Amino acid sequence: MDYKNIIFDLGDVILDIDSTKSELSFEKVGISNFKSYFTPQKQISLFEELELGNIEDKEFYDRFRALTQSNLNDLQIRNSWNQVLLHFNIERMDFLKELSKRYNIYLFSNTNSIHVECLEKRCLEEMGLPLSSYFDDVWYSNILHLRKPNVEAFEKVLALGNLERTDTLFIDDNELNIKGAELAGLDVIHLKKPSTILDLKI
């Protein structure tokens, strides 16, 4: 298939993530049961609200403190929460640059304002460029107020990008997101570990 557009997921596609690092970091500051609130497969409504952009960072921190009955300050919560995000890989980012010469490439991620701030800062520090500069457009769930695998979320990004679904490929590591994209009429690649985007035949 001769595609014009490629939409990438972020976590475990472009940037590796590791929720156990957040879990361990929270344990060090007294939250021993973080995985009962959040895992990559399941999260409580507080994290979903943050990911949908329905609450501000301050409200998230306050509600997290109340939920965990802790006295952590905002910085401690933010730093532990951001531990889930690993480092950028220069080979993958260079691969994106090469792809952008042949395709329109986009980023569509279920994420939140706290992680976005960290990601942009880290990419600038590690790659010398902001993350958004690698793509024709970037769509985050907290800005869209829609999350994958909701078909409406895919319809929204297609409309925002003025993309024809028949010309567009979607790449994600999450099976549910892949199914949502298929229901929206997109061609898909389900990227499964240990494969990375460097193994893609496109």
C-alpha atoms as a PDB file:
ATOM      1  CA  MET A   1       0.000   0.000   0.000  1.00  0.00           C
ATOM      2  CA  ASP A   2       1.292   3.431  -0.951  1.00  0.00           C
ATOM      3  CA  TYR A   3       0.517   5.609   2.065  1.00  0.00           C
ATOM      4  CA  LYS A   4       0.758   9.374   2.272  1.00  0.00           C
ATOM      5  CA  ASN A   5       0.399   9.634   6.044  1.00  0.00           C
ATOM      6  CA  ILE A   6       1.663   7.703   9.045  1.00  0.00           C
ATOM      7  CA  ILE A   7       0.293   8.248  12.557  1.00  0.00           C
ATOM      8  CA  PHE A   8       2.525   7.020  15.373  1.00  0.00           C
ATOM      9  CA  ASP A   9       1.721   6.244  18.963  1.00  0.00           C
ATOM     10  CA  LEU A  10       4.314   7.495  21.442  1.00  0.00           C
ATOM     11  CA  GLY A  11       4.791   5.190  24.442  1.00  0.00           C
ATOM     12  CA  ASP A  12       6.641   1.954  23.621  1.00  0.00           C
ATOM     13  CA  VAL A  13       6.675   2.951  19.956  1.00  0.00           C
ATOM     14  CA  ILE A  14       8.855   6.058  19.755  1.00  0.00           C
ATOM     15  CA  LEU A  15       9.768   6.351  23.434  1.00  0.00           C
ATOM     16  CA  ASP A  16      10.004   3.349  25.743  1.00  0.00           C
ATOM     17  CA  ILE A  17       8.087   3.505  29.011  1.00  0.00           C
ATOM     18  CA  ASP A  18       8.418   1.542  32.230  1.00  0.00           C
ATOM     19  CA  SER A  19       5.669   1.893  34.823  1.00  0.00           C
ATOM     20  CA  THR A  20       7.704  -0.060  37.374  1.00  0.00           C
ATOM     21  CA  LYS A  21      10.086   2.915  37.597  1.00  0.00           C
ATOM     22  CA  SER A  22       7.220   5.147  38.728  1.00  0.00           C
ATOM     23  CA  GLU A  23       6.040   2.439  41.104  1.00  0.00           C
ATOM     24  CA  LEU A  24       9.491   2.159  42.683  1.00  0.00           C
ATOM     25  CA  SER A  25       9.869   5.936  42.886  1.00  0.00           C
ATOM     26  CA  PHE A  26       6.523   6.278  44.666  1.00  0.00           C
ATOM     27  CA  GLU A  27       7.506   3.472  47.033  1.00  0.00           C
ATOM     28  CA  LYS A  28      10.586   5.465  48.033  1.00  0.00           C
ATOM     29  CA  VAL A  29       8.378   8.400  49.069  1.00  0.00           C
ATOM     30  CA  GLY A  30       5.897   6.235  50.958  1.00  0.00           C
ATOM     31  CA  ILE A  31       3.295   5.168  48.360  1.00  0.00           C
ATOM     32  CA  SER A  32       3.569   1.380  48.453  1.00  0.00           C
ATOM     33  CA  ASN A  33       0.500   0.536  46.356  1.00  0.00           C
ATOM     34  CA  PHE A  34       0.848   2.770  43.279  1.00  0.00           C
ATOM     35  CA  LYS A  35       0.073  -0.077  40.867  1.00  0.00           C
ATOM     36  CA  SER A  36      -3.379  -0.364  42.417  1.00  0.00           C
ATOM     37  CA  TYR A  37      -4.043   3.099  40.957  1.00  0.00           C
ATOM     38  CA  PHE A  38      -2.167   2.879  37.682  1.00  0.00           C
ATOM     39  CA  THR A  39      -0.717   0.278  35.328  1.00  0.00           C
ATOM     40  CA  PRO A  40      -0.301   0.489  31.532  1.00  0.00           C
ATOM     41  CA  GLN A  41      -3.300  -1.834  31.231  1.00  0.00           C
ATOM     42  CA  LYS A  42      -5.622  -0.267  33.794  1.00  0.00           C
ATOM     43  CA  GLN A  43      -5.929   3.028  35.618  1.00  0.00           C
ATOM     44  CA  ILE A  44      -8.400   4.590  37.997  1.00  0.00           C
ATOM     45  CA  SER A  45     -10.609   7.468  36.896  1.00  0.00           C
ATOM     46  CA  LEU A  46      -8.279  10.140  38.340  1.00  0.00           C
ATOM     47  CA  PHE A  47      -5.585   9.265  35.811  1.00  0.00           C
ATOM     48  CA  GLU A  48      -8.149   9.016  33.007  1.00  0.00           C
ATOM     49  CA  GLU A  49      -9.461  12.488  33.851  1.00  0.00           C
ATOM     50  CA  LEU A  50      -5.916  13.860  33.687  1.00  0.00           C
ATOM     51  CA  GLU A  51      -5.332  12.075  30.376  1.00  0.00           C
ATOM     52  CA  LEU A  52      -8.528  13.553  28.959  1.00  0.00           C
ATOM     53  CA  GLY A  53      -7.538  17.034  30.100  1.00  0.00           C
ATOM     54  CA  ASN A  54     -10.657  17.278  32.253  1.00  0.00           C
ATOM     55  CA  ILE A  55      -8.682  18.339  35.324  1.00  0.00           C
ATOM     56  CA  GLU A  56      -5.708  20.661  35.809  1.00  0.00           C
ATOM     57  CA  ASP A  57      -2.372  19.506  37.221  1.00  0.00           C
ATOM     58  CA  LYS A  58      -3.071  21.152  40.588  1.00  0.00           C
ATOM     59  CA  GLU A  59      -6.339  19.275  41.017  1.00  0.00           C
ATOM     60  CA  PHE A  60      -4.593  16.034  40.098  1.00  0.00           C
ATOM     61  CA  TYR A  61      -1.928  16.583  42.746  1.00  0.00           C
ATOM     62  CA  ASP A  62      -4.506  17.487  45.405  1.00  0.00           C
ATOM     63  CA  ARG A  63      -6.698  14.496  44.632  1.00  0.00           C
ATOM     64  CA  PHE A  64      -3.690  12.170  44.486  1.00  0.00           C
ATOM     65  CA  ARG A  65      -2.666  13.312  47.963  1.00  0.00           C
ATOM     66  CA  ALA A  66      -6.189  12.724  49.256  1.00  0.00           C
ATOM     67  CA  LEU A  67      -6.420   9.339  47.541  1.00  0.00           C
ATOM     68  CA  THR A  68      -3.110   8.110  48.941  1.00  0.00           C
ATOM     69  CA  GLN A  69      -3.506   9.894  52.294  1.00  0.00           C
ATOM     70  CA  SER A  70      -0.036  11.326  51.817  1.00  0.00           C
ATOM     71  CA  ASN A  71       1.689  14.646  52.402  1.00  0.00           C
ATOM     72  CA  LEU A  72       3.776  14.574  49.217  1.00  0.00           C
ATOM     73  CA  ASN A  73       4.349  17.948  47.589  1.00  0.00           C
ATOM     74  CA  ASP A  74       3.565  18.613  43.924  1.00  0.00           C
ATOM     75  CA  LEU A  75       7.199  18.200  42.862  1.00  0.00           C
ATOM     76  CA  GLN A  76       7.526  14.784  44.516  1.00  0.00           C
ATOM     77  CA  ILE A  77       4.378  13.534  42.769  1.00  0.00           C
ATOM     78  CA  ARG A  78       5.429  14.992  39.427  1.00  0.00           C
ATOM     79  CA  ASN A  79       8.931  13.552  39.579  1.00  0.00           C
ATOM     80  CA  SER A  80       7.733  10.070  40.513  1.00  0.00           C
ATOM     81  CA  TRP A  81       4.978  10.154  37.914  1.00  0.00           C
ATOM     82  CA  ASN A  82       7.465  11.150  35.201  1.00  0.00           C
ATOM     83  CA  GLN A  83       9.774   8.218  36.030  1.00  0.00           C
ATOM     84  CA  VAL A  84       7.603   6.085  33.721  1.00  0.00           C
ATOM     85  CA  LEU A  85       9.123   7.950  30.763  1.00  0.00           C
ATOM     86  CA  LEU A  86      12.478   6.636  29.577  1.00  0.00           C
ATOM     87  CA  HIS A  87      14.986   8.325  27.268  1.00  0.00           C
ATOM     88  CA  PHE A  88      14.845   9.161  23.580  1.00  0.00           C
ATOM     89  CA  ASN A  89      16.691   6.899  21.171  1.00  0.00           C
ATOM     90  CA  ILE A  90      18.708   8.730  18.529  1.00  0.00           C
ATOM     91  CA  GLU A  91      18.326   5.947  15.944  1.00  0.00           C
ATOM     92  CA  ARG A  92      14.541   6.029  16.231  1.00  0.00           C
ATOM     93  CA  MET A  93      14.427   9.812  16.038  1.00  0.00           C
ATOM     94  CA  ASP A  94      16.712   9.812  12.987  1.00  0.00           C
ATOM     95  CA  PHE A  95      14.428   7.192  11.441  1.00  0.00           C
ATOM     96  CA  LEU A  96      11.496   9.584  11.895  1.00  0.00           C
ATOM     97  CA  LYS A  97      13.468  12.317  10.137  1.00  0.00           C
ATOM     98  CA  GLU A  98      14.062   9.984   7.184  1.00  0.00           C
ATOM     99  CA  LEU A  99      10.421   8.934   7.061  1.00  0.00           C
ATOM    100  CA  SER A 100       9.317  12.569   7.048  1.00  0.00           C
ATOM    101  CA  LYS A 101      11.053  12.979   3.675  1.00  0.00           C
ATOM    102  CA  ARG A 102       8.607  10.487   2.131  1.00  0.00           C
ATOM    103  CA  TYR A 103       5.481  10.714   4.271  1.00  0.00           C
ATOM    104  CA  ASN A 104       3.482  13.136   6.328  1.00  0.00           C
ATOM    105  CA  ILE A 105       4.053  11.850   9.858  1.00  0.00           C
ATOM    106  CA  TYR A 106       1.970  12.515  12.941  1.00  0.00           C
ATOM    107  CA  LEU A 107       1.936  11.707  16.631  1.00  0.00           C
ATOM    108  CA  PHE A 108      -1.235  10.647  18.458  1.00  0.00           C
ATOM    109  CA  SER A 109      -0.767   9.792  22.131  1.00  0.00           C
ATOM    110  CA  ASN A 110      -2.904   9.138  25.174  1.00  0.00           C
ATOM    111  CA  THR A 111      -0.994  11.315  27.621  1.00  0.00           C
ATOM    112  CA  ASN A 112      -1.297  14.217  30.027  1.00  0.00           C
ATOM    113  CA  SER A 113       0.023  17.721  30.542  1.00  0.00           C
ATOM    114  CA  ILE A 114       2.576  16.637  33.157  1.00  0.00           C
ATOM    115  CA  HIS A 115       4.148  14.083  30.836  1.00  0.00           C
ATOM    116  CA  VAL A 116       3.983  16.362  27.796  1.00  0.00           C
ATOM    117  CA  GLU A 117       5.981  19.058  29.585  1.00  0.00           C
ATOM    118  CA  CYS A 118       8.588  16.475  30.607  1.00  0.00           C
ATOM    119  CA  LEU A 119       8.753  14.925  27.129  1.00  0.00           C
ATOM    120  CA  GLU A 120       9.247  18.189  25.301  1.00  0.00           C
ATOM    121  CA  LYS A 121      11.963  19.283  27.724  1.00  0.00           C
ATOM    122  CA  ARG A 122      13.733  15.916  27.589  1.00  0.00           C
ATOM    123  CA  CYS A 123      13.634  15.685  23.806  1.00  0.00           C
ATOM    124  CA  LEU A 124      15.122  19.170  23.514  1.00  0.00           C
ATOM    125  CA  GLU A 125      17.877  18.263  25.985  1.00  0.00           C
ATOM    126  CA  GLU A 126      18.678  14.857  24.474  1.00  0.00           C
ATOM    127  CA  MET A 127      18.028  15.397  20.759  1.00  0.00           C
ATOM    128  CA  GLY A 128      18.511  19.158  20.442  1.00  0.00           C
ATOM    129  CA  LEU A 129      15.005  19.521  19.007  1.00  0.00           C
ATOM    130  CA  PRO A 130      11.526  19.686  20.535  1.00  0.00           C
ATOM    131  CA  LEU A 131       9.488  16.514  20.116  1.00  0.00           C
ATOM    132  CA  SER A 132       6.795  18.324  18.144  1.00  0.00           C
ATOM    133  CA  SER A 133       9.338  19.341  15.494  1.00  0.00           C
ATOM    134  CA  TYR A 134       9.632  15.758  14.246  1.00  0.00           C
ATOM    135  CA  PHE A 135       5.998  15.655  13.120  1.00  0.00           C
ATOM    136  CA  ASP A 136       3.643  17.481  10.786  1.00  0.00           C
ATOM    137  CA  ASP A 137       1.217  17.648  13.685  1.00  0.00           C
ATOM    138  CA  VAL A 138       0.914  16.283  17.213  1.00  0.00           C
ATOM    139  CA  TRP A 139      -2.311  15.234  18.919  1.00  0.00           C
ATOM    140  CA  TYR A 140      -2.470  14.570  22.637  1.00  0.00           C
ATOM    141  CA  SER A 141      -5.523  13.158  24.382  1.00  0.00           C
ATOM    142  CA  ASN A 142      -5.451  15.850  27.056  1.00  0.00           C
ATOM    143  CA  ILE A 143      -5.831  18.508  24.353  1.00  0.00           C
ATOM    144  CA  LEU A 144      -8.364  16.606  22.247  1.00  0.00           C
ATOM    145  CA  HIS A 145     -10.384  15.526  25.307  1.00  0.00           C
ATOM    146  CA  LEU A 146     -10.597  12.159  23.567  1.00  0.00           C
ATOM    147  CA  ARG A 147      -8.605   8.977  24.090  1.00  0.00           C
ATOM    148  CA  LYS A 148      -7.725   5.940  22.050  1.00  0.00           C
ATOM    149  CA  PRO A 149      -9.236   3.399  21.416  1.00  0.00           C
ATOM    150  CA  ASN A 150     -12.390   5.537  21.063  1.00  0.00           C
ATOM    151  CA  VAL A 151     -13.310   5.613  17.369  1.00  0.00           C
ATOM    152  CA  GLU A 152     -14.361   9.250  17.823  1.00  0.00           C
ATOM    153  CA  ALA A 153     -10.740  10.051  18.766  1.00  0.00           C
ATOM    154  CA  PHE A 154      -9.478   8.652  15.472  1.00  0.00           C
ATOM    155  CA  GLU A 155     -12.201  10.468  13.546  1.00  0.00           C
ATOM    156  CA  LYS A 156     -11.130  13.688  15.247  1.00  0.00           C
ATOM    157  CA  VAL A 157      -7.451  13.410  14.303  1.00  0.00           C
ATOM    158  CA  LEU A 158      -8.329  12.504  10.717  1.00  0.00           C
ATOM    159  CA  ALA A 159     -10.486  15.615  10.528  1.00  0.00           C
ATOM    160  CA  LEU A 160      -7.871  17.844  12.184  1.00  0.00           C
ATOM    161  CA  GLY A 161      -5.178  16.637   9.822  1.00  0.00           C
ATOM    162  CA  ASN A 162      -7.481  16.619   6.797  1.00  0.00           C
ATOM    163  CA  LEU A 163      -6.347  13.037   6.244  1.00  0.00           C
ATOM    164  CA  GLU A 164      -7.949  10.416   4.032  1.00  0.00           C
ATOM    165  CA  ARG A 165      -8.178   7.166   5.958  1.00  0.00           C
ATOM    166  CA  THR A 166      -7.341   5.143   2.843  1.00  0.00           C
ATOM    167  CA  ASP A 167      -3.992   6.998   2.612  1.00  0.00           C
ATOM    168  CA  THR A 168      -3.153   6.690   6.294  1.00  0.00           C
ATOM    169  CA  LEU A 169      -1.316   4.073   8.354  1.00  0.00           C
ATOM    170  CA  PHE A 170      -1.581   3.901  12.147  1.00  0.00           C
ATOM    171  CA  ILE A 171       1.134   2.311  14.318  1.00  0.00           C
ATOM    172  CA  ASP A 172       0.615   1.425  17.988  1.00  0.00           C
ATOM    173  CA  ASP A 173       1.792  -1.177  20.495  1.00  0.00           C
ATOM    174  CA  ASN A 174      -1.594  -1.472  22.245  1.00  0.00           C
ATOM    175  CA  GLU A 175      -3.991  -4.065  20.848  1.00  0.00           C
ATOM    176  CA  LEU A 176      -7.115  -2.167  21.916  1.00  0.00           C
ATOM    177  CA  ASN A 177      -5.884   0.976  20.173  1.00  0.00           C
ATOM    178  CA  ILE A 178      -5.197  -1.048  17.049  1.00  0.00           C
ATOM    179  CA  LYS A 179      -8.752  -2.397  17.112  1.00  0.00           C
ATOM    180  CA  GLY A 180     -10.126   1.127  17.545  1.00  0.00           C
ATOM    181  CA  ALA A 181      -8.128   2.347  14.562  1.00  0.00           C
ATOM    182  CA  GLU A 182      -9.372  -0.557  12.457  1.00  0.00           C
ATOM    183  CA  LEU A 183     -12.969   0.292  13.384  1.00  0.00           C
ATOM    184  CA  ALA A 184     -12.229   3.822  12.183  1.00  0.00           C
ATOM    185  CA  GLY A 185     -11.167   2.390   8.822  1.00  0.00           C
ATOM    186  CA  LEU A 186      -7.406   2.803   9.145  1.00  0.00           C
ATOM    187  CA  ASP A 187      -4.732   0.382   8.045  1.00  0.00           C
ATOM    188  CA  VAL A 188      -2.632  -0.564  11.050  1.00  0.00           C
ATOM    189  CA  ILE A 189       0.607  -2.070  12.246  1.00  0.00           C
ATOM    190  CA  HIS A 190       0.545  -3.619  15.716  1.00  0.00           C
ATOM    191  CA  LEU A 191       4.109  -3.090  16.917  1.00  0.00           C
ATOM    192  CA  LYS A 192       4.977  -5.836  19.390  1.00  0.00           C
ATOM    193  CA  LYS A 193       8.123  -6.080  21.488  1.00  0.00           C
ATOM    194  CA  PRO A 194      10.940  -6.764  20.880  1.00  0.00           C
ATOM    195  CA  SER A 195      10.285  -5.106  17.499  1.00  0.00           C
ATOM    196  CA  THR A 196      10.788  -1.345  17.261  1.00  0.00           C
ATOM    197  CA  ILE A 197       9.990   1.196  14.565  1.00  0.00           C
ATOM    198  CA  LEU A 198      13.463   0.487  13.174  1.00  0.00           C
ATOM    199  CA  ASP A 199      12.118  -2.911  12.084  1.00  0.00           C
ATOM    200  CA  LEU A 200       9.208  -1.461  10.107  1.00  0.00           C
ATOM    201  CA  LYS A 201       9.110  -2.269   6.401  1.00  0.00           C
ATOM    202  CA  ILE A 202       7.686   1.014   5.153  1.00  0.00           C
END
